[in-house]
């Protein structure tokens, strides 16, 4: 499991107060994404980078600090 990837998602959840389901919908169109990742599920590398980019864009859109500054 990629702990840094899950940490980035957890940081976004904490910063926004959104549910895991809503974050999954926003970044991947899949409300079961985050629980699946927590249970050891994987995503393709290109999907991972798209998700990270969507997290970055959502942080910017919501005027939140970048993940590394959070």
N, C-alpha and C. Protein backbone atom coordinates (compact mmCIF):
# COMPACT_ATOMS: atom_id res chain seq x y z
N UNK A 1 0.84 -1.18 0.00
CA UNK A 1 0.00 0.00 0.00
C UNK A 1 0.88 1.25 0.00
N UNK A 2 0.44 2.25 -0.70
CA UNK A 2 1.16 3.52 -0.77
C UNK A 2 0.63 4.43 0.33
N UNK A 3 1.35 4.46 1.45
CA UNK A 3 0.89 5.24 2.60
C UNK A 3 0.87 6.73 2.32
N UNK A 4 1.83 7.23 1.54
CA UNK A 4 1.86 8.66 1.22
C UNK A 4 0.61 9.06 0.43
N UNK A 5 0.16 8.20 -0.45
CA UNK A 5 -1.04 8.46 -1.24
C UNK A 5 -2.26 8.53 -0.33
N UNK A 6 -2.41 7.57 0.54
CA UNK A 6 -3.54 7.56 1.47
C UNK A 6 -3.44 8.73 2.45
N UNK A 7 -2.23 9.09 2.85
CA UNK A 7 -2.05 10.25 3.73
C UNK A 7 -2.50 11.54 3.04
N UNK A 8 -2.24 11.66 1.74
CA UNK A 8 -2.68 12.85 1.00
C UNK A 8 -4.21 12.92 0.97
N UNK A 9 -4.85 11.79 0.79
CA UNK A 9 -6.31 11.75 0.79
C UNK A 9 -6.83 12.08 2.19
N UNK A 10 -6.24 11.49 3.22
CA UNK A 10 -6.66 11.76 4.60
C UNK A 10 -6.48 13.24 4.95
N UNK A 11 -5.39 13.84 4.50
CA UNK A 11 -5.15 15.25 4.75
C UNK A 11 -6.23 16.11 4.11
N UNK A 12 -6.63 15.75 2.90
CA UNK A 12 -7.69 16.48 2.20
C UNK A 12 -9.01 16.32 2.95
N UNK A 13 -9.31 15.12 3.40
CA UNK A 13 -10.55 14.87 4.15
C UNK A 13 -10.55 15.72 5.42
N UNK A 14 -9.43 15.75 6.13
CA UNK A 14 -9.34 16.53 7.37
C UNK A 14 -9.48 18.02 7.09
N UNK A 15 -8.87 18.50 6.02
CA UNK A 15 -8.89 19.93 5.71
C UNK A 15 -10.27 20.41 5.26
N UNK A 16 -11.02 19.53 4.60
CA UNK A 16 -12.31 19.94 4.05
C UNK A 16 -13.50 19.55 4.92
N UNK A 17 -13.33 18.50 5.72
CA UNK A 17 -14.45 18.00 6.50
C UNK A 17 -15.42 17.17 5.68
N UNK A 18 -15.04 16.86 4.45
CA UNK A 18 -15.89 16.03 3.59
C UNK A 18 -15.80 14.57 4.00
N UNK A 19 -16.81 13.81 3.65
CA UNK A 19 -16.80 12.37 3.94
C UNK A 19 -15.90 11.65 2.93
N UNK A 20 -15.48 10.45 3.30
CA UNK A 20 -14.69 9.62 2.38
C UNK A 20 -15.46 9.39 1.08
N UNK A 21 -16.75 9.15 1.22
CA UNK A 21 -17.58 8.90 0.04
C UNK A 21 -17.55 10.10 -0.91
N UNK A 22 -17.76 11.30 -0.37
CA UNK A 22 -17.79 12.51 -1.20
C UNK A 22 -16.43 12.75 -1.87
N UNK A 23 -15.35 12.55 -1.12
CA UNK A 23 -14.01 12.74 -1.70
C UNK A 23 -13.79 11.75 -2.84
N UNK A 24 -14.20 10.52 -2.66
CA UNK A 24 -14.08 9.53 -3.74
C UNK A 24 -14.84 9.95 -4.98
N UNK A 25 -16.04 10.51 -4.78
CA UNK A 25 -16.84 10.99 -5.91
C UNK A 25 -16.12 12.14 -6.62
N UNK A 26 -15.60 13.08 -5.84
CA UNK A 26 -14.93 14.26 -6.41
C UNK A 26 -13.70 13.86 -7.23
N UNK A 27 -12.86 13.00 -6.67
CA UNK A 27 -11.58 12.73 -7.32
C UNK A 27 -11.60 11.59 -8.33
N UNK A 28 -12.57 10.68 -8.20
CA UNK A 28 -12.54 9.52 -9.10
C UNK A 28 -13.92 9.08 -9.57
N UNK A 29 -14.96 9.77 -9.14
CA UNK A 29 -16.30 9.34 -9.52
C UNK A 29 -16.69 8.03 -8.88
N UNK A 30 -16.05 7.69 -7.74
CA UNK A 30 -16.30 6.41 -7.09
C UNK A 30 -16.33 6.61 -5.58
N UNK A 31 -17.50 6.57 -5.00
CA UNK A 31 -17.65 6.78 -3.58
C UNK A 31 -17.04 5.69 -2.72
N UNK A 32 -16.71 4.57 -3.30
CA UNK A 32 -16.10 3.48 -2.53
C UNK A 32 -14.58 3.45 -2.64
N UNK A 33 -14.00 4.45 -3.31
CA UNK A 33 -12.56 4.47 -3.53
C UNK A 33 -11.76 4.45 -2.23
N UNK A 34 -12.03 5.39 -1.33
CA UNK A 34 -11.21 5.53 -0.12
C UNK A 34 -11.30 4.28 0.76
N UNK A 35 -12.51 3.78 1.07
CA UNK A 35 -12.55 2.54 1.86
C UNK A 35 -11.82 1.37 1.17
N UNK A 36 -11.93 1.30 -0.16
CA UNK A 36 -11.24 0.23 -0.89
C UNK A 36 -9.74 0.36 -0.74
N UNK A 37 -9.22 1.60 -0.82
CA UNK A 37 -7.78 1.81 -0.63
C UNK A 37 -7.34 1.45 0.79
N UNK A 38 -8.17 1.80 1.76
CA UNK A 38 -7.85 1.48 3.16
C UNK A 38 -7.79 -0.04 3.40
N UNK A 39 -8.55 -0.77 2.62
CA UNK A 39 -8.57 -2.23 2.76
C UNK A 39 -7.55 -2.91 1.86
N UNK A 40 -6.59 -2.15 1.37
CA UNK A 40 -5.50 -2.73 0.59
C UNK A 40 -5.69 -2.69 -0.90
N UNK A 41 -6.77 -2.07 -1.37
CA UNK A 41 -6.98 -1.95 -2.81
C UNK A 41 -5.93 -1.06 -3.45
N UNK A 42 -5.77 -1.21 -4.74
CA UNK A 42 -4.76 -0.43 -5.47
C UNK A 42 -5.42 0.29 -6.63
N UNK A 43 -4.69 1.27 -7.14
CA UNK A 43 -5.09 1.95 -8.37
C UNK A 43 -3.88 1.96 -9.29
N UNK A 44 -4.14 2.09 -10.58
CA UNK A 44 -3.04 2.18 -11.54
C UNK A 44 -2.26 3.46 -11.29
N UNK A 45 -0.96 3.47 -11.59
CA UNK A 45 -0.16 4.68 -11.35
C UNK A 45 -0.72 5.93 -12.04
N UNK A 46 -1.21 5.82 -13.26
CA UNK A 46 -1.75 7.01 -13.93
C UNK A 46 -3.01 7.49 -13.23
N UNK A 47 -3.80 6.58 -12.68
CA UNK A 47 -5.00 6.96 -11.93
C UNK A 47 -4.59 7.66 -10.63
N UNK A 48 -3.56 7.15 -9.98
CA UNK A 48 -3.07 7.76 -8.75
C UNK A 48 -2.66 9.21 -9.00
N UNK A 49 -1.94 9.45 -10.07
CA UNK A 49 -1.48 10.82 -10.36
C UNK A 49 -2.65 11.73 -10.72
N UNK A 50 -3.65 11.20 -11.41
CA UNK A 50 -4.84 12.01 -11.71
C UNK A 50 -5.58 12.37 -10.43
N UNK A 51 -5.68 11.42 -9.50
CA UNK A 51 -6.34 11.67 -8.22
C UNK A 51 -5.57 12.73 -7.44
N UNK A 52 -4.25 12.60 -7.38
CA UNK A 52 -3.44 13.59 -6.67
C UNK A 52 -3.59 14.98 -7.29
N UNK A 53 -3.67 15.04 -8.60
CA UNK A 53 -3.86 16.32 -9.28
C UNK A 53 -5.24 16.90 -8.95
N UNK A 54 -6.26 16.07 -8.89
CA UNK A 54 -7.59 16.55 -8.53
C UNK A 54 -7.62 17.03 -7.09
N UNK A 55 -6.92 16.35 -6.19
CA UNK A 55 -6.83 16.81 -4.81
C UNK A 55 -6.17 18.19 -4.76
N UNK A 56 -5.08 18.36 -5.51
CA UNK A 56 -4.38 19.65 -5.55
C UNK A 56 -5.30 20.74 -6.09
N UNK A 57 -6.00 20.45 -7.17
CA UNK A 57 -6.90 21.43 -7.78
C UNK A 57 -8.05 21.80 -6.84
N UNK A 58 -8.59 20.81 -6.14
CA UNK A 58 -9.68 21.08 -5.19
C UNK A 58 -9.19 21.92 -4.02
N UNK A 59 -7.97 21.64 -3.55
CA UNK A 59 -7.41 22.46 -2.47
C UNK A 59 -7.30 23.91 -2.94
N UNK A 60 -6.82 24.10 -4.14
CA UNK A 60 -6.67 25.45 -4.70
C UNK A 60 -8.05 26.11 -4.85
N UNK A 61 -9.00 25.39 -5.39
CA UNK A 61 -10.34 25.92 -5.61
C UNK A 61 -11.01 26.33 -4.30
N UNK A 62 -10.74 25.58 -3.24
CA UNK A 62 -11.34 25.86 -1.94
C UNK A 62 -10.48 26.78 -1.08
N UNK A 63 -9.41 27.32 -1.65
CA UNK A 63 -8.49 28.22 -0.94
C UNK A 63 -7.89 27.58 0.32
N UNK A 64 -7.56 26.30 0.21
CA UNK A 64 -6.90 25.58 1.30
C UNK A 64 -5.41 25.60 1.05
N UNK A 65 -4.61 25.50 2.11
CA UNK A 65 -3.15 25.45 1.90
C UNK A 65 -2.76 24.17 1.17
N UNK A 66 -1.66 24.20 0.44
CA UNK A 66 -1.19 22.97 -0.22
C UNK A 66 -0.99 21.86 0.80
N UNK A 67 -1.10 20.62 0.34
CA UNK A 67 -1.03 19.47 1.23
C UNK A 67 0.27 19.45 2.01
N UNK A 68 1.39 19.79 1.39
CA UNK A 68 2.68 19.75 2.10
C UNK A 68 2.81 20.87 3.13
N UNK A 69 1.95 21.89 3.06
CA UNK A 69 1.99 22.98 4.04
C UNK A 69 0.94 22.78 5.13
N UNK A 70 0.09 21.76 4.95
CA UNK A 70 -1.01 21.55 5.91
C UNK A 70 -0.51 20.96 7.20
